[in-house]
Amino acid sequence: QVQVVESGGGLVQPGGSLRLSCEVSGFTLGHYTTGWFRQAPGKEREGISSIRSNNGHTSYADSVKGRFTISRDKTKKTAYLQMNSLRPEDTAVYYCALDMGFGGDRLQPSTYDYWGQGTQVTVSS
């Protein structure tokens, strides 16, 4: 059974940092994409970053480019999202998702097959 589990959310002051983790399990496929999304109240789910497991290719939304960094540990099947210079507008529920295919827009929710439960990130003083 495929599982996607996020961790690492919390409350942080503006300008602070957080690191989110996403562990995937329950499959043997070697090539997959892990994506990070977020959804603020009243807004659509937004794709913010992705990383390919085999070659480490990454993508970022303009809203987080230069502030967020995605990485992965292949042996642990875990992806990380390092979030720096956090702003109040980064407040949202952050979701990790797994895509086992090879095509599609890596920042579009419809590309992904499995989703985690989400973790709350609140940026406030």
Foldseek 3Di string as FASTA:
>chain_A
DKAKAKDWADEAAAQAKTKMKIAIDDDDDQWKKKWKWWDDPPDDIWTAKMAILPPGDMDGDPVQPPFWDKDDDSVRNMIMIIGGRDDQVVWTWMKMFMAPDDDDDRTDPVRGDDIYPTDTHGHHD
